[in-house]
């Protein structure tokens, strides 16, 4: 429930709904593709259907290509992603209602997690917390992403490797089913 409230706080100040709906639609499509591939894989193996197995292979290859595209885009656009996260944080602080309980809880949790408090606006004014506790969150966001980039790369590589194993095993299973059908 906390994640839902936190998401609401972040998205209520977005300028246009179109800025967030594209990401939501992409996540829905990816989830639907994963669900479809899971059911297809299960039924293909349980029924030993070459046609369903071929369709499953196509779905897995599509998922692999999507994973690689997103990973490459994220690494190539790292600076743009950092800037968008920083703008989202600054926009939330600037437009947030300081008396809203959900807003305060979300911002406090974010500050505790990032070990920061507030940011300096272009005019030099500290926003988001009092100046005695000030520790720039915009710099912290950039530092965290840059310092954890190797972890993101390892996760992306691991997921891609698992997907490649899935593709290889699907091809081997397809060939095995085809051979057993040719014998009969």
N, C-alpha and C. Protein backbone atom coordinates (compact mmCIF):
# COMPACT_ATOMS: atom_id res chain seq x y z
N UNK A 1 0.82 -1.19 0.00
CA UNK A 1 0.00 0.00 0.00
C UNK A 1 0.86 1.25 0.00
N UNK A 2 2.02 1.16 0.65
CA UNK A 2 2.92 2.32 0.68
C UNK A 2 3.41 2.64 -0.73
N UNK A 3 3.70 1.60 -1.54
CA UNK A 3 4.17 1.85 -2.89
C UNK A 3 3.10 2.55 -3.71
N UNK A 4 1.84 2.16 -3.53
CA UNK A 4 0.75 2.78 -4.28
C UNK A 4 0.63 4.25 -3.88
N UNK A 5 0.70 4.53 -2.62
CA UNK A 5 0.62 5.92 -2.18
C UNK A 5 1.82 6.72 -2.68
N UNK A 6 2.99 6.13 -2.61
CA UNK A 6 4.18 6.82 -3.10
C UNK A 6 4.09 7.09 -4.59
N UNK A 7 3.56 6.12 -5.35
CA UNK A 7 3.42 6.31 -6.78
C UNK A 7 2.43 7.44 -7.06
N UNK A 8 1.36 7.50 -6.27
CA UNK A 8 0.36 8.56 -6.45
C UNK A 8 0.98 9.92 -6.20
N UNK A 9 1.81 10.02 -5.20
CA UNK A 9 2.45 11.30 -4.89
C UNK A 9 3.35 11.72 -6.05
N UNK A 10 4.08 10.77 -6.62
CA UNK A 10 4.99 11.13 -7.71
C UNK A 10 4.23 11.50 -8.96
N UNK A 11 3.11 10.83 -9.23
CA UNK A 11 2.43 11.04 -10.51
C UNK A 11 1.38 12.13 -10.47
N UNK A 12 0.98 12.60 -9.34
CA UNK A 12 -0.08 13.60 -9.33
C UNK A 12 0.39 14.96 -9.82
N UNK A 13 1.69 15.19 -9.83
CA UNK A 13 2.22 16.48 -10.27
C UNK A 13 2.79 16.44 -11.67
N UNK A 14 2.56 15.37 -12.39
CA UNK A 14 3.06 15.28 -13.75
C UNK A 14 2.26 16.23 -14.62
N UNK A 15 2.94 16.93 -15.52
CA UNK A 15 2.28 17.93 -16.35
C UNK A 15 1.17 17.36 -17.20
N UNK A 16 1.45 16.29 -17.93
CA UNK A 16 0.43 15.67 -18.76
C UNK A 16 0.41 14.19 -18.46
N UNK A 17 -0.75 13.61 -18.65
CA UNK A 17 -0.90 12.18 -18.38
C UNK A 17 -0.05 11.37 -19.35
N UNK A 18 0.16 11.88 -20.56
CA UNK A 18 0.94 11.18 -21.57
C UNK A 18 2.37 10.90 -21.14
N UNK A 19 2.89 11.69 -20.22
CA UNK A 19 4.27 11.49 -19.77
C UNK A 19 4.45 10.17 -19.03
N UNK A 20 3.41 9.68 -18.39
CA UNK A 20 3.56 8.43 -17.64
C UNK A 20 2.83 7.26 -18.28
N UNK A 21 1.86 7.52 -19.15
CA UNK A 21 1.08 6.41 -19.69
C UNK A 21 1.88 5.54 -20.64
N UNK A 22 2.85 6.09 -21.33
CA UNK A 22 3.67 5.27 -22.24
C UNK A 22 4.39 4.18 -21.45
N UNK A 23 5.00 4.55 -20.34
CA UNK A 23 5.68 3.56 -19.51
C UNK A 23 4.73 2.51 -18.97
N UNK A 24 3.54 2.93 -18.59
CA UNK A 24 2.54 1.99 -18.08
C UNK A 24 2.13 1.02 -19.18
N UNK A 25 1.89 1.52 -20.39
CA UNK A 25 1.50 0.65 -21.49
C UNK A 25 2.61 -0.33 -21.86
N UNK A 26 3.84 0.11 -21.81
CA UNK A 26 4.97 -0.78 -22.09
C UNK A 26 5.03 -1.89 -21.05
N UNK A 27 4.84 -1.53 -19.77
CA UNK A 27 4.86 -2.55 -18.71
C UNK A 27 3.69 -3.53 -18.87
N UNK A 28 2.52 -3.03 -19.23
CA UNK A 28 1.37 -3.92 -19.48
C UNK A 28 1.67 -4.87 -20.63
N UNK A 29 2.23 -4.35 -21.71
CA UNK A 29 2.54 -5.19 -22.87
C UNK A 29 3.58 -6.24 -22.50
N UNK A 30 4.60 -5.85 -21.77
CA UNK A 30 5.63 -6.81 -21.36
C UNK A 30 5.03 -7.88 -20.45
N UNK A 31 4.19 -7.47 -19.52
CA UNK A 31 3.54 -8.44 -18.63
C UNK A 31 2.63 -9.38 -19.40
N UNK A 32 1.89 -8.85 -20.34
CA UNK A 32 1.02 -9.68 -21.17
C UNK A 32 1.82 -10.66 -22.02
N UNK A 33 2.94 -10.19 -22.56
CA UNK A 33 3.80 -11.06 -23.35
C UNK A 33 4.41 -12.17 -22.49
N UNK A 34 4.80 -11.83 -21.27
CA UNK A 34 5.33 -12.84 -20.35
C UNK A 34 4.26 -13.86 -19.98
N UNK A 35 3.05 -13.38 -19.71
CA UNK A 35 1.95 -14.28 -19.37
C UNK A 35 1.64 -15.21 -20.54
N UNK A 36 1.56 -14.64 -21.73
CA UNK A 36 1.27 -15.43 -22.92
C UNK A 36 2.38 -16.45 -23.18
N UNK A 37 3.62 -16.04 -23.01
CA UNK A 37 4.73 -16.98 -23.25
C UNK A 37 4.74 -18.09 -22.20
N UNK A 38 4.40 -17.77 -20.97
CA UNK A 38 4.36 -18.80 -19.93
C UNK A 38 3.31 -19.86 -20.22
N UNK A 39 2.10 -19.41 -20.55
CA UNK A 39 1.04 -20.37 -20.88
C UNK A 39 1.37 -21.16 -22.14
N UNK A 40 1.90 -20.47 -23.14
CA UNK A 40 2.25 -21.15 -24.39
C UNK A 40 3.33 -22.20 -24.14
N UNK A 41 4.34 -21.85 -23.37
CA UNK A 41 5.40 -22.81 -23.07
C UNK A 41 4.88 -24.02 -22.31
N UNK A 42 4.01 -23.76 -21.34
CA UNK A 42 3.46 -24.86 -20.55
C UNK A 42 2.64 -25.81 -21.43
N UNK A 43 1.73 -25.26 -22.22
CA UNK A 43 0.87 -26.11 -23.05
C UNK A 43 1.66 -26.76 -24.18
N UNK A 44 2.68 -26.08 -24.69
CA UNK A 44 3.50 -26.67 -25.76
C UNK A 44 4.23 -27.91 -25.25
N UNK A 45 4.76 -27.82 -24.04
CA UNK A 45 5.49 -28.95 -23.48
C UNK A 45 4.53 -30.06 -23.05
N UNK A 46 3.43 -29.69 -22.41
CA UNK A 46 2.51 -30.72 -21.91
C UNK A 46 1.83 -31.47 -23.06
N UNK A 47 1.55 -30.81 -24.16
CA UNK A 47 0.90 -31.46 -25.31
C UNK A 47 1.90 -31.91 -26.37
N UNK A 48 3.18 -31.58 -26.17
CA UNK A 48 4.23 -31.86 -27.14
C UNK A 48 3.85 -31.36 -28.53
N UNK A 49 3.35 -30.15 -28.56
CA UNK A 49 2.91 -29.53 -29.80
C UNK A 49 4.06 -28.74 -30.43
N UNK A 50 4.43 -29.16 -31.65
CA UNK A 50 5.51 -28.45 -32.34
C UNK A 50 5.09 -27.03 -32.71
N UNK A 51 3.85 -26.86 -33.08
CA UNK A 51 3.36 -25.53 -33.48
C UNK A 51 3.40 -24.56 -32.29
N UNK A 52 2.88 -25.00 -31.14
CA UNK A 52 2.92 -24.15 -29.95
C UNK A 52 4.34 -23.90 -29.48
N UNK A 53 5.19 -24.90 -29.61
CA UNK A 53 6.58 -24.73 -29.21
C UNK A 53 7.28 -23.71 -30.11
N UNK A 54 6.97 -23.75 -31.40
CA UNK A 54 7.53 -22.77 -32.32
C UNK A 54 7.04 -21.36 -31.96
N UNK A 55 5.75 -21.24 -31.63
CA UNK A 55 5.19 -19.95 -31.22
C UNK A 55 5.86 -19.47 -29.93
N UNK A 56 6.08 -20.39 -29.01
CA UNK A 56 6.77 -20.05 -27.76
C UNK A 56 8.19 -19.56 -28.04
N UNK A 57 8.87 -20.21 -28.96
CA UNK A 57 10.22 -19.79 -29.33
C UNK A 57 10.21 -18.36 -29.90
N UNK A 58 9.24 -18.07 -30.74
CA UNK A 58 9.12 -16.71 -31.30
C UNK A 58 8.88 -15.70 -30.19
N UNK A 59 8.02 -16.03 -29.23
CA UNK A 59 7.76 -15.12 -28.11
C UNK A 59 9.02 -14.89 -27.28
N UNK A 60 9.77 -15.94 -27.03
CA UNK A 60 10.99 -15.79 -26.22
C UNK A 60 12.03 -14.95 -26.96
N UNK A 61 12.15 -15.16 -28.26
CA UNK A 61 13.09 -14.34 -29.03
C UNK A 61 12.65 -12.88 -29.01
N UNK A 62 11.34 -12.64 -29.13
CA UNK A 62 10.83 -11.26 -29.04
C UNK A 62 11.16 -10.65 -27.68
N UNK A 63 10.95 -11.41 -26.61
CA UNK A 63 11.28 -10.91 -25.27
C UNK A 63 12.77 -10.60 -25.15
N UNK A 64 13.60 -11.46 -25.71
CA UNK A 64 15.05 -11.22 -25.67
C UNK A 64 15.41 -9.93 -26.40
N UNK A 65 14.82 -9.73 -27.57
CA UNK A 65 15.10 -8.51 -28.33
C UNK A 65 14.62 -7.27 -27.59
N UNK A 66 13.46 -7.36 -26.95
CA UNK A 66 12.95 -6.23 -26.17
C UNK A 66 13.87 -5.95 -24.98
N UNK A 67 14.29 -7.00 -24.28
CA UNK A 67 15.21 -6.83 -23.14
C UNK A 67 16.50 -6.15 -23.57
N UNK A 68 17.06 -6.61 -24.68
CA UNK A 68 18.32 -6.03 -25.15
C UNK A 68 18.13 -4.58 -25.60
N UNK A 69 17.02 -4.30 -26.27
CA UNK A 69 16.75 -2.94 -26.71
C UNK A 69 16.62 -2.00 -25.53
N UNK A 70 15.87 -2.40 -24.52
CA UNK A 70 15.69 -1.55 -23.34
C UNK A 70 17.00 -1.37 -22.59
N UNK A 71 17.77 -2.43 -22.45
CA UNK A 71 19.05 -2.33 -21.73
C UNK A 71 20.02 -1.41 -22.47
N UNK A 72 20.13 -1.58 -23.77
CA UNK A 72 21.03 -0.73 -24.55
C UNK A 72 20.57 0.72 -24.51
N UNK A 73 19.25 0.93 -24.65
CA UNK A 73 18.72 2.29 -24.59
C UNK A 73 19.01 2.92 -23.23
N UNK A 74 18.80 2.16 -22.16
CA UNK A 74 19.02 2.71 -20.81
C UNK A 74 20.48 3.11 -20.60
N UNK A 75 21.40 2.29 -21.10
CA UNK A 75 22.81 2.63 -20.94
C UNK A 75 23.21 3.79 -21.85
N UNK A 76 22.66 3.83 -23.05
CA UNK A 76 23.00 4.91 -23.97
C UNK A 76 22.40 6.24 -23.51
N UNK A 77 21.25 6.18 -22.87
CA UNK A 77 20.55 7.39 -22.44
C UNK A 77 20.68 7.61 -20.94
N UNK A 78 21.76 7.13 -20.35
CA UNK A 78 21.94 7.22 -18.90
C UNK A 78 21.79 8.64 -18.39
N UNK A 79 22.41 9.58 -19.07
CA UNK A 79 22.34 10.97 -18.62
C UNK A 79 20.92 11.52 -18.69
N UNK A 80 20.18 11.14 -19.74
CA UNK A 80 18.80 11.59 -19.86
C UNK A 80 17.93 10.98 -18.76
N UNK A 81 18.19 9.71 -18.44
CA UNK A 81 17.43 9.05 -17.36
C UNK A 81 17.72 9.73 -16.03
N UNK A 82 18.98 10.04 -15.76
CA UNK A 82 19.35 10.74 -14.52
C UNK A 82 18.65 12.09 -14.46
N UNK A 83 18.67 12.81 -15.58
CA UNK A 83 18.04 14.13 -15.61
C UNK A 83 16.53 14.03 -15.38
N UNK A 84 15.88 13.02 -15.96
CA UNK A 84 14.44 12.85 -15.75
C UNK A 84 14.13 12.53 -14.30
N UNK A 85 14.94 11.69 -13.67
CA UNK A 85 14.73 11.38 -12.25
C UNK A 85 14.93 12.61 -11.38
N UNK A 86 15.95 13.39 -11.69
CA UNK A 86 16.20 14.61 -10.93
C UNK A 86 15.06 15.61 -11.12
N UNK A 87 14.58 15.75 -12.36
CA UNK A 87 13.47 16.67 -12.62
C UNK A 87 12.20 16.21 -11.91
N UNK A 88 11.98 14.88 -11.89
CA UNK A 88 10.79 14.36 -11.20
C UNK A 88 10.87 14.66 -9.71
N UNK A 89 12.05 14.48 -9.12
CA UNK A 89 12.22 14.77 -7.70
C UNK A 89 11.99 16.26 -7.43
N UNK A 90 12.65 17.11 -8.20
CA UNK A 90 12.53 18.56 -8.00
C UNK A 90 11.09 19.01 -8.23
N UNK A 91 10.44 18.48 -9.25
CA UNK A 91 9.05 18.85 -9.52
C UNK A 91 8.12 18.41 -8.41
N UNK A 92 8.38 17.26 -7.84
CA UNK A 92 7.55 16.77 -6.75
C UNK A 92 7.71 17.65 -5.52
N UNK A 93 8.93 18.03 -5.21
CA UNK A 93 9.18 18.91 -4.06
C UNK A 93 8.54 20.28 -4.31
N UNK A 94 8.71 20.82 -5.51
CA UNK A 94 8.20 22.15 -5.82
C UNK A 94 6.67 22.21 -5.80
N UNK A 95 6.02 21.17 -6.33
CA UNK A 95 4.57 21.20 -6.46
C UNK A 95 3.84 20.48 -5.33
N UNK A 96 4.59 19.80 -4.46
CA UNK A 96 3.97 19.01 -3.41
C UNK A 96 3.29 19.84 -2.35
N UNK A 97 2.31 19.23 -1.72
CA UNK A 97 1.60 19.87 -0.61
C UNK A 97 2.31 19.47 0.67
N UNK A 98 2.92 20.44 1.32
CA UNK A 98 3.73 20.15 2.50
C UNK A 98 2.89 19.66 3.68
N UNK A 99 1.58 19.89 3.67
CA UNK A 99 0.74 19.44 4.78
C UNK A 99 0.10 18.08 4.50
N UNK A 100 0.33 17.50 3.35
CA UNK A 100 -0.23 16.20 2.99
C UNK A 100 0.58 15.10 3.68
N UNK A 101 -0.10 14.24 4.44
CA UNK A 101 0.57 13.18 5.21
C UNK A 101 1.27 12.19 4.28
N UNK A 102 0.59 11.77 3.21
CA UNK A 102 1.20 10.83 2.26
C UNK A 102 2.46 11.43 1.65
N UNK A 103 2.39 12.69 1.30
CA UNK A 103 3.54 13.37 0.70
C UNK A 103 4.72 13.39 1.67
N UNK A 104 4.45 13.75 2.91
CA UNK A 104 5.52 13.82 3.91
C UNK A 104 6.15 12.45 4.14
N UNK A 105 5.32 11.41 4.24
CA UNK A 105 5.84 10.05 4.45
C UNK A 105 6.71 9.62 3.27
N UNK A 106 6.24 9.89 2.06
CA UNK A 106 6.99 9.49 0.88
C UNK A 106 8.32 10.24 0.80
N UNK A 107 8.30 11.54 1.02
CA UNK A 107 9.53 12.33 0.94
C UNK A 107 10.50 11.93 2.05
N UNK A 108 9.99 11.71 3.27
CA UNK A 108 10.86 11.28 4.37
C UNK A 108 11.51 9.93 4.07
N UNK A 109 10.72 9.00 3.53
CA UNK A 109 11.26 7.68 3.18
C UNK A 109 12.30 7.81 2.08
N UNK A 110 12.03 8.66 1.11
CA UNK A 110 12.99 8.87 0.02
C UNK A 110 14.28 9.49 0.54
N UNK A 111 14.15 10.49 1.40
CA UNK A 111 15.34 11.14 1.96
C UNK A 111 16.15 10.16 2.82
N UNK A 112 15.46 9.31 3.56
CA UNK A 112 16.15 8.33 4.40
C UNK A 112 16.86 7.29 3.53
N UNK A 113 16.18 6.84 2.49
CA UNK A 113 16.75 5.84 1.60
C UNK A 113 17.96 6.38 0.84
N UNK A 114 17.84 7.59 0.33
CA UNK A 114 18.92 8.18 -0.46
C UNK A 114 19.99 8.84 0.40
N UNK A 115 19.72 8.98 1.69
CA UNK A 115 20.63 9.66 2.61
C UNK A 115 20.92 11.08 2.11
N UNK A 116 19.82 11.82 1.88
CA UNK A 116 19.94 13.19 1.40
C UNK A 116 18.75 13.99 1.91
N UNK A 117 18.76 15.29 1.65
CA UNK A 117 17.64 16.12 2.05
C UNK A 117 17.61 17.37 1.19
N UNK A 118 16.61 17.47 0.33
CA UNK A 118 16.39 18.66 -0.46
C UNK A 118 17.31 18.80 -1.66
N UNK A 119 17.22 19.97 -2.28
CA UNK A 119 18.07 20.29 -3.42
C UNK A 119 18.18 21.80 -3.54
N UNK A 120 19.19 22.23 -4.28
CA UNK A 120 19.37 23.66 -4.54
C UNK A 120 18.72 24.00 -5.86
N UNK A 121 17.81 24.97 -5.85
CA UNK A 121 17.19 25.40 -7.09
C UNK A 121 18.18 26.22 -7.89
N UNK A 122 17.81 26.55 -9.12
CA UNK A 122 18.72 27.33 -9.97
C UNK A 122 19.02 28.69 -9.37
N UNK A 123 18.10 29.19 -8.54
CA UNK A 123 18.34 30.48 -7.90
C UNK A 123 19.22 30.35 -6.66
N UNK A 124 19.58 29.11 -6.29
CA UNK A 124 20.44 28.90 -5.13
C UNK A 124 19.68 28.64 -3.85
N UNK A 125 18.35 28.68 -3.92
CA UNK A 125 17.53 28.46 -2.73
C UNK A 125 17.43 26.97 -2.44
N UNK A 126 17.56 26.62 -1.15
CA UNK A 126 17.44 25.22 -0.74
C UNK A 126 15.97 24.89 -0.58
N UNK A 127 15.53 23.80 -1.24
CA UNK A 127 14.13 23.40 -1.19
C UNK A 127 14.03 21.96 -0.72
N UNK A 128 12.98 21.65 0.00
CA UNK A 128 12.73 20.28 0.43
C UNK A 128 13.06 20.00 1.87
N UNK A 129 13.90 20.81 2.50
CA UNK A 129 14.22 20.64 3.92
C UNK A 129 14.93 21.90 4.40
N UNK A 130 15.13 21.96 5.70
CA UNK A 130 15.81 23.17 6.21
C UNK A 130 17.31 23.10 5.91
N UNK A 131 17.94 24.25 5.88
CA UNK A 131 19.33 24.34 5.43
C UNK A 131 20.32 23.66 6.37
N UNK A 132 19.94 23.42 7.62
CA UNK A 132 20.88 22.76 8.54
C UNK A 132 21.05 21.28 8.21
N UNK A 133 20.03 20.66 7.61
CA UNK A 133 20.08 19.24 7.25
C UNK A 133 20.40 19.03 5.78
N UNK A 134 20.59 20.10 5.03
CA UNK A 134 20.72 20.02 3.58
C UNK A 134 21.85 19.10 3.12
N UNK A 135 21.50 18.21 2.21
CA UNK A 135 22.44 17.33 1.53
C UNK A 135 21.79 17.07 0.17
N UNK A 136 22.34 17.57 -0.90
CA UNK A 136 21.70 17.63 -2.21
C UNK A 136 21.26 16.27 -2.74
N UNK A 137 19.95 16.10 -2.92
CA UNK A 137 19.40 14.84 -3.43
C UNK A 137 19.65 14.68 -4.92
N UNK A 138 19.73 15.77 -5.66
CA UNK A 138 19.98 15.67 -7.09
C UNK A 138 21.36 15.07 -7.35
N UNK A 139 22.34 15.50 -6.59
CA UNK A 139 23.69 14.93 -6.71
C UNK A 139 23.69 13.47 -6.25
N UNK A 140 22.92 13.18 -5.22
CA UNK A 140 22.85 11.82 -4.68
C UNK A 140 22.23 10.86 -5.69
N UNK A 141 21.17 11.31 -6.38
CA UNK A 141 20.53 10.48 -7.41
C UNK A 141 21.55 10.14 -8.50
N UNK A 142 22.28 11.14 -8.96
CA UNK A 142 23.28 10.91 -10.00
C UNK A 142 24.39 9.97 -9.50
N UNK A 143 24.84 10.17 -8.28
CA UNK A 143 25.89 9.32 -7.71
C UNK A 143 25.43 7.87 -7.60
N UNK A 144 24.21 7.66 -7.13
CA UNK A 144 23.71 6.29 -6.96
C UNK A 144 23.62 5.58 -8.30
N UNK A 145 23.07 6.25 -9.29
CA UNK A 145 22.94 5.61 -10.61
C UNK A 145 24.32 5.30 -11.18
N UNK A 146 25.23 6.25 -11.11
CA UNK A 146 26.58 6.01 -11.65
C UNK A 146 27.32 4.92 -10.88
N UNK A 147 27.15 4.86 -9.57
CA UNK A 147 27.87 3.86 -8.77
C UNK A 147 27.25 2.47 -8.87
N UNK A 148 25.98 2.38 -9.20
CA UNK A 148 25.31 1.09 -9.29
C UNK A 148 25.14 0.61 -10.73
N UNK A 149 25.72 1.31 -11.67
CA UNK A 149 25.55 0.96 -13.08
C UNK A 149 26.06 -0.45 -13.37
N UNK A 150 27.15 -0.86 -12.74
CA UNK A 150 27.67 -2.21 -12.96
C UNK A 150 26.70 -3.27 -12.46
N UNK A 151 25.95 -2.97 -11.41
CA UNK A 151 24.95 -3.91 -10.91
C UNK A 151 23.79 -4.03 -11.90
N UNK A 152 23.35 -2.87 -12.42
CA UNK A 152 22.29 -2.90 -13.44
C UNK A 152 22.75 -3.70 -14.66
N UNK A 153 24.00 -3.52 -15.06
CA UNK A 153 24.54 -4.25 -16.21
C UNK A 153 24.58 -5.75 -15.93
N UNK A 154 24.99 -6.13 -14.73
CA UNK A 154 25.05 -7.55 -14.38
C UNK A 154 23.66 -8.18 -14.37
N UNK A 155 22.68 -7.45 -13.86
CA UNK A 155 21.31 -7.97 -13.84
C UNK A 155 20.79 -8.12 -15.27
N UNK A 156 21.01 -7.12 -16.11
CA UNK A 156 20.58 -7.19 -17.50
C UNK A 156 21.26 -8.36 -18.22
N UNK A 157 22.56 -8.54 -17.98
CA UNK A 157 23.29 -9.65 -18.59
C UNK A 157 22.76 -10.99 -18.09
N UNK A 158 22.48 -11.10 -16.80
CA UNK A 158 21.95 -12.34 -16.23
C UNK A 158 20.59 -12.70 -16.81
N UNK A 159 19.72 -11.72 -16.94
CA UNK A 159 18.40 -11.97 -17.52
C UNK A 159 18.54 -12.39 -18.98
N UNK A 160 19.42 -11.72 -19.71
CA UNK A 160 19.64 -12.07 -21.11
C UNK A 160 20.20 -13.49 -21.23
N UNK A 161 21.10 -13.85 -20.34
CA UNK A 161 21.68 -15.19 -20.36
C UNK A 161 20.62 -16.26 -20.09
N UNK A 162 19.75 -16.01 -19.13
CA UNK A 162 18.66 -16.95 -18.85
C UNK A 162 17.75 -17.07 -20.06
N UNK A 163 17.46 -15.96 -20.72
CA UNK A 163 16.62 -15.99 -21.91
C UNK A 163 17.29 -16.77 -23.04
N UNK A 164 18.59 -16.61 -23.21
CA UNK A 164 19.32 -17.37 -24.24
C UNK A 164 19.27 -18.86 -23.92
N UNK A 165 19.43 -19.24 -22.66
CA UNK A 165 19.29 -20.65 -22.28
C UNK A 165 17.89 -21.15 -22.61
N UNK A 166 16.88 -20.34 -22.34
CA UNK A 166 15.51 -20.71 -22.69
C UNK A 166 15.34 -20.94 -24.18
N UNK A 167 15.95 -20.08 -24.98
CA UNK A 167 15.88 -20.24 -26.44
C UNK A 167 16.58 -21.53 -26.86
N UNK A 168 17.76 -21.78 -26.32
CA UNK A 168 18.51 -23.00 -26.68
C UNK A 168 17.73 -24.25 -26.28
N UNK A 169 17.22 -24.30 -25.06
CA UNK A 169 16.48 -25.48 -24.62
C UNK A 169 15.18 -25.66 -25.40
N UNK A 170 14.55 -24.58 -25.80
CA UNK A 170 13.34 -24.68 -26.60
C UNK A 170 13.66 -25.28 -27.97
N UNK A 171 14.76 -24.84 -28.57
CA UNK A 171 15.17 -25.40 -29.87
C UNK A 171 15.50 -26.89 -29.73
N UNK A 172 16.22 -27.25 -28.66
CA UNK A 172 16.54 -28.66 -28.43
C UNK A 172 15.28 -29.50 -28.22
N UNK A 173 14.34 -28.98 -27.46
CA UNK A 173 13.09 -29.70 -27.24
C UNK A 173 12.30 -29.84 -28.53
N UNK A 174 12.27 -28.79 -29.32
CA UNK A 174 11.56 -28.83 -30.61
C UNK A 174 12.16 -29.91 -31.51
N UNK A 175 13.50 -29.95 -31.58
CA UNK A 175 14.15 -30.96 -32.41
C UNK A 175 13.88 -32.37 -31.89
N UNK A 176 13.85 -32.52 -30.57
CA UNK A 176 13.58 -33.83 -29.98
C UNK A 176 12.16 -34.29 -30.29
N UNK A 177 11.21 -33.39 -30.17
CA UNK A 177 9.81 -33.73 -30.47
C UNK A 177 9.67 -34.05 -31.96
N UNK A 178 10.36 -33.30 -32.79
CA UNK A 178 10.29 -33.53 -34.24
C UNK A 178 10.87 -34.90 -34.59
N UNK A 179 12.02 -35.25 -33.97
CA UNK A 179 12.63 -36.56 -34.21
C UNK A 179 11.72 -37.70 -33.76
N UNK A 180 11.11 -37.55 -32.59
CA UNK A 180 10.23 -38.62 -32.09
C UNK A 180 8.98 -38.74 -32.95
N UNK A 181 8.51 -37.64 -33.53
CA UNK A 181 7.35 -37.70 -34.42
C UNK A 181 7.73 -38.34 -35.75
N UNK A 182 8.96 -38.13 -36.21
CA UNK A 182 9.41 -38.73 -37.46
C UNK A 182 9.58 -40.24 -37.33
N UNK A 183 9.96 -40.71 -36.14
CA UNK A 183 10.16 -42.14 -35.91
C UNK A 183 8.82 -42.86 -35.93
N UNK A 184 7.81 -42.23 -35.36
CA UNK A 184 6.49 -42.87 -35.28
C UNK A 184 5.83 -42.76 -36.60
